[in-house]
Amino acid sequence: MLRDVLLDLPVRPALAPLLRALTDAGGAVLVAPPGTGKTTLAPLAVADGVPGRVLVAQPRRVAARAAARRMADLLGERVGQRVGYAVRGDRRVGPGTRVEVVTTGLLVRRLLRDPDLPGVDAVLLDEVHERQLDADLALAFAVEARAALRPELWLVAMSATPEADRFAALLGGDTPAPVVRAEAALHPVARVFTPPPRPVAPPGAGRVDPLLLDHVAATVRRALHEQDGDVLVFLPGAGEIGAVARRLADLADRVAVLPLHGRLPAAAQDAALRPADRRRVVLATSVAESSLTVPGVRVVVDAGLARVARTDLSRGLGALVTVPVSRAAATQRAGRAGRQGPGVVYRCWSEGTHGRLAAQPEPDIATADLTGFALDLAAWGSPDGAGLALPD
């Protein structure tokens, strides 16, 4: 299928080594920073190496749909022909589909139902560095299914970060799987630290301080005045996106203000991922950190917050809380401004605060409610996870 695509992205030189690694070892880790094209071109290349279907697992529904649409566009086809997708409540595949993009949660369900994945010859797990619960389970189940039932199944773990050794060890067993690396293609991104003029309340289980949202809206106005190109704004959730959109409502006659989060209808998500006839301000959650490309973006405004799952020990239940973003995630967000040319990121915190941020986000398995996770392990036949290839 890659033969039909003329697009020359930075990941392309790494695809031949990837196929050699899979032919020799059956598993591989592909490390490719955002913007190199791994999500777009690697599945098409792998499809050229196997006769059956290729499953590509994405952590988020919006990313799964966007990846399938991008690959289908490159092939000059509609989604549902050689490239399709399946997410909760929506599936577009056909008898001739060779590459199917699914969410990691859906892949877990398929593995629980039919561990040998009939008709599937390769599984690519994208953004494994994010360490979501479903992603960890999908990797562990796929590794065990390959070892016990499908030794010919190709497995690829794809990551945007260079910390690939743990995944290489999990995929390879006694001998670590090969690691194939693609070079970054980011343009330089200038960093501007712009903390709020007055102290704001720290994030937590309650609402985000309205003073911070006022400051984010003011920073967007500043960015529109000082820079060219579209603006991508990172906010922790749909509520904050709506609040900042209301603060920018007076710009509607000259700027398109568009939300982008997982609760939106598919048509609204698609609108945020298409170029427009005027400047755009895309207000997004962390869904836009990786996998998705928002065209035209030359400026990022980062509120510095993320919404994550945590266990509320006082109630014994899972809950969503707002936390400061990690330095790794902040770097990923900033890189979105350098996909198509030199860009600028406005960080709504101080340089001193940046140095105190956690280096990496905590994996869900260390902080989230593990009730569903434990039930899935029990359904798999390993209630305590013993012997499974779960990342540390």
Protein backbone atom coordinates (compact mmCIF):
# COMPACT_ATOMS: atom_id res chain seq x y z
CA MET A 1 0.00 0.00 0.00
CA LEU A 2 2.90 2.36 0.66
CA ARG A 3 3.80 2.03 -3.02
CA ASP A 4 0.67 4.06 -3.79
CA VAL A 5 1.79 6.98 -1.59
CA LEU A 6 4.22 9.60 -2.88
CA LEU A 7 4.35 11.58 0.38
CA ASP A 8 7.94 11.83 1.62
CA LEU A 9 7.88 12.19 5.40
CA PRO A 10 10.92 11.86 7.72
CA VAL A 11 9.85 8.40 8.93
CA ARG A 12 10.08 6.94 5.44
CA PRO A 13 13.81 5.95 5.57
CA ALA A 14 13.08 4.00 8.76
CA LEU A 15 10.34 1.86 7.20
CA ALA A 16 12.60 -0.57 5.33
CA PRO A 17 14.62 -1.29 8.52
CA LEU A 18 11.33 -1.73 10.37
CA LEU A 19 10.13 -4.36 7.91
CA ARG A 20 13.49 -6.17 8.10
CA ALA A 21 13.27 -6.20 11.89
CA LEU A 22 9.75 -7.60 11.80
CA THR A 23 10.72 -10.25 9.25
CA ASP A 24 13.67 -11.34 11.41
CA ALA A 25 12.26 -10.98 14.92
CA GLY A 26 8.47 -10.64 14.58
CA GLY A 27 8.42 -7.62 16.89
CA ALA A 28 9.96 -4.16 16.88
CA VAL A 29 9.82 -0.75 18.54
CA LEU A 30 9.52 2.27 16.27
CA VAL A 31 10.65 5.52 17.90
CA ALA A 32 9.61 8.54 15.88
CA PRO A 33 8.97 12.04 17.26
CA PRO A 34 5.74 13.88 16.48
CA GLY A 35 5.59 15.14 12.93
CA THR A 36 7.67 12.39 11.36
CA GLY A 37 4.67 10.52 9.92
CA LYS A 38 4.85 7.25 11.86
CA THR A 39 1.09 7.03 12.41
CA THR A 40 0.44 7.66 8.71
CA LEU A 41 3.08 5.68 6.85
CA ALA A 42 4.14 2.82 9.16
CA PRO A 43 0.78 0.95 8.93
CA LEU A 44 0.79 1.22 5.13
CA ALA A 45 4.34 -0.14 4.98
CA VAL A 46 3.55 -3.04 7.31
CA ALA A 47 0.47 -3.87 5.20
CA ASP A 48 2.83 -4.44 2.27
CA GLY A 49 4.64 -7.11 4.29
CA VAL A 50 1.72 -9.30 5.40
CA PRO A 51 -1.22 -10.87 3.57
CA GLY A 52 -3.79 -10.30 6.32
CA ARG A 53 -5.22 -7.26 8.07
CA VAL A 54 -3.15 -4.76 10.04
CA LEU A 55 -4.66 -3.42 13.28
CA VAL A 56 -3.45 -0.02 14.46
CA ALA A 57 -4.39 0.82 18.06
CA GLN A 58 -4.76 4.47 19.11
CA PRO A 59 -5.45 5.67 22.67
CA ARG A 60 -8.25 8.05 21.61
CA ARG A 61 -11.26 7.84 19.29
CA VAL A 62 -10.63 11.17 17.60
CA ALA A 63 -7.06 10.13 16.80
CA ALA A 64 -8.20 6.75 15.42
CA ARG A 65 -10.70 8.36 13.08
CA ALA A 66 -8.25 11.05 11.97
CA ALA A 67 -5.47 8.54 11.28
CA ALA A 68 -7.75 6.38 9.14
CA ARG A 69 -9.00 9.38 7.21
CA ARG A 70 -5.46 10.62 6.57
CA MET A 71 -4.27 7.24 5.25
CA ALA A 72 -7.35 6.86 3.06
CA ASP A 73 -6.81 10.35 1.64
CA LEU A 74 -3.22 9.46 0.74
CA LEU A 75 -4.48 6.40 -1.13
CA GLY A 76 -7.14 8.48 -2.90
CA GLU A 77 -9.95 6.45 -1.38
CA ARG A 78 -12.87 6.78 1.01
CA VAL A 79 -12.55 5.51 4.56
CA GLY A 80 -13.86 1.94 4.64
CA GLN A 81 -12.06 0.73 1.55
CA ARG A 82 -8.44 -0.35 2.04
CA VAL A 83 -8.24 1.73 5.23
CA GLY A 84 -11.00 1.77 7.84
CA TYR A 85 -11.57 2.37 11.52
CA ALA A 86 -13.58 1.04 14.43
CA VAL A 87 -14.31 3.01 17.60
CA ARG A 88 -17.07 2.74 20.17
CA GLY A 89 -20.36 3.24 18.38
CA ASP A 90 -18.84 3.75 14.91
CA ARG A 91 -17.19 1.30 12.50
CA ARG A 92 -16.29 1.86 8.86
CA VAL A 93 -14.60 -1.16 7.31
CA GLY A 94 -15.26 -3.32 4.27
CA PRO A 95 -14.31 -6.71 2.88
CA GLY A 96 -11.24 -5.19 1.22
CA THR A 97 -9.96 -3.35 4.31
CA ARG A 98 -6.26 -4.03 4.91
CA VAL A 99 -5.55 -1.46 7.65
CA GLU A 100 -8.07 -0.98 10.47
CA VAL A 101 -7.47 1.72 13.08
CA VAL A 102 -9.07 0.96 16.44
CA THR A 103 -8.92 2.34 19.96
CA THR A 104 -6.81 0.47 22.50
CA GLY A 105 -9.95 -0.27 24.51
CA LEU A 106 -11.57 -1.93 21.50
CA LEU A 107 -8.41 -3.97 20.88
CA VAL A 108 -8.54 -5.22 24.49
CA ARG A 109 -12.17 -6.29 23.98
CA ARG A 110 -11.26 -8.15 20.76
CA LEU A 111 -8.35 -9.93 22.43
CA LEU A 112 -10.56 -11.01 25.32
CA ARG A 113 -13.19 -12.31 22.90
CA ASP A 114 -10.82 -14.03 20.45
CA PRO A 115 -7.15 -13.99 21.53
CA ASP A 116 -5.78 -15.41 18.30
CA LEU A 117 -7.13 -12.42 16.29
CA PRO A 118 -8.21 -14.38 13.19
CA GLY A 119 -7.44 -12.64 9.91
CA VAL A 120 -5.01 -10.21 11.56
CA ASP A 121 -1.32 -10.54 10.72
CA ALA A 122 0.10 -7.43 12.41
CA VAL A 123 -0.74 -5.21 15.39
CA LEU A 124 0.72 -1.71 15.76
CA LEU A 125 0.29 -0.04 19.15
CA ASP A 126 0.72 3.71 18.80
CA GLU A 127 1.72 6.19 21.53
CA VAL A 128 2.68 3.43 23.98
CA HIS A 129 4.67 5.96 26.02
CA GLU A 130 1.40 7.50 27.27
CA ARG A 131 0.90 4.42 29.50
CA GLN A 132 -2.89 4.43 29.54
CA LEU A 133 -4.47 1.39 31.20
CA ASP A 134 -6.03 0.04 27.99
CA ALA A 135 -2.74 0.52 26.14
CA ASP A 136 -0.79 -1.42 28.78
CA LEU A 137 -3.38 -4.21 28.70
CA ALA A 138 -3.46 -4.35 24.90
CA LEU A 139 0.32 -4.68 24.79
CA ALA A 140 0.43 -7.38 27.47
CA PHE A 141 -2.42 -9.40 25.96
CA ALA A 142 -1.02 -9.13 22.42
CA VAL A 143 2.44 -10.29 23.56
CA GLU A 144 0.96 -13.32 25.34
CA ALA A 145 -1.38 -14.15 22.44
CA ARG A 146 1.57 -14.07 20.08
CA ALA A 147 3.67 -16.32 22.32
CA ALA A 148 0.91 -18.87 22.95
CA LEU A 149 -1.25 -18.81 19.82
CA ARG A 150 0.13 -16.70 16.98
CA PRO A 151 3.95 -16.86 16.75
CA GLU A 152 3.75 -15.42 13.21
CA LEU A 153 1.90 -12.28 14.37
CA TRP A 154 3.91 -9.09 13.91
CA LEU A 155 3.87 -6.67 16.84
CA VAL A 156 5.08 -3.05 16.72
CA ALA A 157 5.17 -0.64 19.64
CA MET A 158 5.33 2.95 18.36
CA SER A 159 6.46 5.80 20.58
CA ALA A 160 7.31 9.47 20.31
CA THR A 161 9.90 9.30 23.10
CA PRO A 162 13.36 7.71 23.09
CA GLU A 163 12.69 5.55 26.20
CA ALA A 164 12.22 2.39 24.16
CA ASP A 165 14.23 -0.21 26.11
CA ARG A 166 11.32 -1.34 28.33
CA PHE A 167 9.09 -1.96 25.33
CA ALA A 168 11.84 -3.72 23.41
CA ALA A 169 12.31 -6.08 26.36
CA LEU A 170 8.57 -6.77 26.60
CA LEU A 171 8.20 -7.51 22.89
CA GLY A 172 11.34 -9.59 22.58
CA GLY A 173 11.23 -11.90 25.58
CA ASP A 174 14.69 -13.40 26.13
CA THR A 175 16.19 -11.17 23.44
CA PRO A 176 15.02 -7.54 23.25
CA ALA A 177 13.17 -6.66 20.08
CA PRO A 178 14.95 -4.39 17.59
CA VAL A 179 14.51 -0.64 18.04
CA VAL A 180 14.17 1.40 14.83
CA ARG A 181 14.49 5.18 15.10
CA ALA A 182 13.35 7.96 12.81
CA GLU A 183 14.86 11.43 12.91
CA ALA A 184 12.82 14.40 14.07
CA ALA A 185 11.62 16.94 11.54
CA LEU A 186 10.54 19.75 13.83
CA HIS A 187 11.29 23.36 13.03
CA PRO A 188 12.62 25.59 15.82
CA VAL A 189 10.03 26.67 18.37
CA ALA A 190 10.61 29.79 20.47
CA ARG A 191 9.43 29.49 24.07
CA VAL A 192 7.75 32.38 25.85
CA PHE A 193 6.97 32.02 29.55
CA THR A 194 3.96 34.14 30.44
CA PRO A 195 2.73 33.46 34.00
CA PRO A 196 -0.55 34.97 35.21
CA PRO A 197 -0.20 38.50 36.61
CA ARG A 198 -1.64 37.33 39.95
CA PRO A 199 -1.34 33.99 41.79
CA VAL A 200 -4.00 31.43 40.88
CA ALA A 201 -5.42 28.57 42.93
CA PRO A 202 -3.57 25.27 42.44
CA PRO A 203 -5.34 22.63 40.33
CA GLY A 204 -7.12 19.69 41.90
CA ALA A 205 -10.48 17.97 41.97
CA GLY A 206 -12.45 21.23 41.74
CA ARG A 207 -12.81 23.71 38.92
CA VAL A 208 -9.85 25.51 37.36
CA ASP A 209 -9.34 29.02 38.74
CA PRO A 210 -11.22 31.48 36.46
CA LEU A 211 -8.25 33.86 36.76
CA LEU A 212 -6.12 31.34 34.88
CA LEU A 213 -8.75 31.01 32.16
CA ASP A 214 -8.85 34.81 31.88
CA HIS A 215 -5.08 34.75 31.46
CA VAL A 216 -5.21 32.01 28.81
CA ALA A 217 -7.75 34.02 26.80
CA ALA A 218 -5.59 37.14 27.11
CA THR A 219 -2.54 35.17 25.98
CA VAL A 220 -4.44 33.94 22.92
CA ARG A 221 -5.23 37.54 22.02
CA ARG A 222 -1.56 38.44 22.47
CA ALA A 223 -0.48 35.53 20.26
CA LEU A 224 -2.89 36.53 17.51
CA HIS A 225 -1.47 40.04 17.61
CA GLU A 226 2.23 39.06 17.72
CA GLN A 227 2.38 35.97 15.50
CA ASP A 228 1.14 34.60 12.19
CA GLY A 229 -0.68 31.32 11.61
CA ASP A 230 -3.30 29.38 13.50
CA VAL A 231 -3.22 29.01 17.29
CA LEU A 232 -3.56 25.71 19.15
CA VAL A 233 -4.54 26.11 22.80
CA PHE A 234 -4.14 23.30 25.33
CA LEU A 235 -6.69 23.17 28.14
CA PRO A 236 -7.48 20.35 30.59
CA GLY A 237 -11.10 19.61 29.67
CA ALA A 238 -14.29 20.42 27.80
CA GLY A 239 -15.52 22.76 30.52
CA GLU A 240 -12.43 24.94 30.32
CA ILE A 241 -12.60 24.88 26.52
CA GLY A 242 -16.14 26.23 26.65
CA ALA A 243 -15.16 28.89 29.21
CA VAL A 244 -12.24 30.18 27.13
CA ALA A 245 -14.36 30.07 23.95
CA ARG A 246 -16.88 32.37 25.64
CA ARG A 247 -14.08 34.75 26.59
CA LEU A 248 -13.03 34.89 22.92
CA ALA A 249 -16.54 35.19 21.47
CA ASP A 250 -15.96 38.75 20.25
CA LEU A 251 -13.29 37.45 17.81
CA ALA A 252 -15.83 35.41 15.83
CA ASP A 253 -16.10 37.90 12.98
CA ARG A 254 -12.43 37.49 12.04
CA VAL A 255 -11.16 34.32 13.75
CA ALA A 256 -12.69 30.82 13.83
CA VAL A 257 -12.69 29.58 17.43
CA LEU A 258 -13.04 25.78 17.32
CA PRO A 259 -13.19 23.23 20.16
CA LEU A 260 -11.48 19.84 19.91
CA HIS A 261 -12.14 17.13 22.50
CA GLY A 262 -13.40 13.58 22.67
CA ARG A 263 -16.99 14.42 23.67
CA LEU A 264 -17.69 16.37 20.48
CA PRO A 265 -19.66 14.88 17.56
CA ALA A 266 -17.50 13.52 14.76
CA ALA A 267 -18.39 16.42 12.43
CA ALA A 268 -17.21 19.00 14.97
CA GLN A 269 -13.96 17.12 15.52
CA ASP A 270 -13.38 16.98 11.77
CA ALA A 271 -13.97 20.74 11.47
CA ALA A 272 -11.14 21.45 13.90
CA LEU A 273 -8.78 19.29 11.82
CA ARG A 274 -9.46 21.03 8.49
CA PRO A 275 -7.92 24.28 7.20
CA ALA A 276 -10.24 27.27 6.99
CA ASP A 277 -10.47 30.48 4.97
CA ARG A 278 -9.45 32.58 7.99
CA ARG A 279 -7.24 32.26 11.04
CA ARG A 280 -8.26 29.64 13.54
CA VAL A 281 -7.94 29.22 17.29
CA VAL A 282 -8.31 25.54 18.14
CA LEU A 283 -9.09 24.92 21.81
CA ALA A 284 -8.03 21.34 22.55
CA THR A 285 -7.48 18.89 25.35
CA SER A 286 -4.41 16.64 25.47
CA VAL A 287 -5.98 14.72 22.56
CA ALA A 288 -3.94 17.04 20.31
CA GLU A 289 -0.60 16.27 21.98
CA SER A 290 0.18 13.32 19.74
CA SER A 291 -1.09 11.38 16.70
CA LEU A 292 -3.25 14.26 15.49
CA THR A 293 -2.01 16.94 13.13
CA VAL A 294 -3.90 20.22 13.28
CA PRO A 295 -2.92 21.93 9.99
CA GLY A 296 -1.80 25.53 9.87
CA VAL A 297 -0.70 25.76 13.51
CA ARG A 298 2.31 28.00 14.09
CA VAL A 299 1.51 29.04 17.66
CA VAL A 300 0.74 27.02 20.79
CA VAL A 301 -0.73 28.49 23.96
CA ASP A 302 -0.35 26.00 26.81
CA ALA A 303 -2.36 26.40 30.03
CA GLY A 304 -0.01 23.89 31.63
CA LEU A 305 -2.71 21.55 32.94
CA ALA A 306 -3.94 18.03 32.19
CA ARG A 307 -6.92 16.05 33.42
CA VAL A 308 -6.08 12.54 34.55
CA ALA A 309 -7.69 9.61 36.33
CA ARG A 310 -6.91 9.20 40.02
CA THR A 311 -8.24 7.02 42.82
CA ASP A 312 -10.16 8.95 45.47
CA LEU A 313 -9.06 7.02 48.57
CA SER A 314 -11.67 8.71 50.77
CA ARG A 315 -14.50 7.24 48.66
CA GLY A 316 -12.77 4.24 47.14
CA LEU A 317 -13.76 5.43 43.66
CA GLY A 318 -12.03 6.69 40.58
CA ALA A 319 -12.17 10.39 39.77
CA LEU A 320 -10.77 12.88 37.28
CA VAL A 321 -8.46 15.51 38.71
CA THR A 322 -6.54 18.39 37.18
CA VAL A 323 -2.75 18.26 37.53
CA PRO A 324 0.21 20.28 36.23
CA VAL A 325 1.49 18.99 32.93
CA SER A 326 4.84 17.14 32.90
CA ARG A 327 7.91 18.53 31.17
CA ALA A 328 7.73 15.73 28.58
CA ALA A 329 4.11 16.57 27.75
CA ALA A 330 4.93 20.29 27.63
CA THR A 331 7.66 19.51 25.10
CA GLN A 332 5.22 17.47 23.01
CA ARG A 333 2.70 20.30 23.09
CA ALA A 334 5.30 22.88 22.10
CA GLY A 335 6.34 20.72 19.16
CA ARG A 336 2.91 21.16 17.62
CA ALA A 337 3.95 24.73 16.71
CA GLY A 338 6.94 23.45 14.71
CA ARG A 339 5.32 20.92 12.42
CA GLN A 340 5.11 23.13 9.31
CA GLY A 341 7.62 25.89 10.01
CA PRO A 342 9.24 27.90 12.81
CA GLY A 343 6.77 28.50 15.62
CA VAL A 344 6.21 29.93 19.08
CA VAL A 345 4.80 28.44 22.29
CA TYR A 346 3.38 30.66 25.02
CA ARG A 347 3.53 28.82 28.35
CA CYS A 348 1.16 30.16 30.98
CA TRP A 349 3.59 29.55 33.82
CA SER A 350 7.02 30.80 34.88
CA GLU A 351 10.40 29.41 33.90
CA GLY A 352 11.04 28.59 37.56
CA THR A 353 7.81 26.60 37.75
CA HIS A 354 8.81 24.73 34.62
CA GLY A 355 11.93 23.41 36.31
CA ARG A 356 9.81 21.98 39.14
CA LEU A 357 7.43 20.05 36.89
CA ALA A 358 7.62 16.25 36.86
CA ALA A 359 9.87 14.93 34.11
CA GLN A 360 7.29 12.41 32.83
CA PRO A 361 3.55 11.90 33.40
CA GLU A 362 2.68 9.16 35.87
CA PRO A 363 1.36 5.98 34.21
CA ASP A 364 -2.31 5.26 34.84
CA ILE A 365 -1.45 1.92 36.45
CA ALA A 366 0.21 3.79 39.33
CA THR A 367 -2.61 6.24 40.07
CA ALA A 368 -5.97 5.28 38.52
CA ASP A 369 -8.81 3.11 39.82
CA LEU A 370 -7.78 -0.43 38.85
CA THR A 371 -11.16 -2.15 39.28
CA GLY A 372 -11.83 -2.51 35.54
CA PHE A 373 -8.18 -3.33 34.93
CA ALA A 374 -8.36 -6.19 37.47
CA LEU A 375 -11.57 -7.53 35.92
CA ASP A 376 -9.94 -7.59 32.48
CA LEU A 377 -6.95 -9.48 33.93
CA ALA A 378 -9.31 -11.99 35.52
CA ALA A 379 -11.22 -12.43 32.25
CA TRP A 380 -7.89 -13.06 30.52
CA GLY A 381 -7.12 -15.79 33.08
CA SER A 382 -4.38 -14.00 35.01
CA PRO A 383 -6.03 -12.24 37.98
CA ASP A 384 -2.74 -11.09 39.50
CA GLY A 385 -1.07 -10.27 36.17
CA ALA A 386 1.68 -12.81 36.82
CA GLY A 387 3.64 -13.63 33.69
CA LEU A 388 2.08 -10.86 31.64
CA ALA A 389 4.29 -8.39 29.78
CA LEU A 390 3.10 -5.33 31.68
CA PRO A 391 5.40 -2.28 31.57
CA ASP A 392 6.97 -1.18 34.86
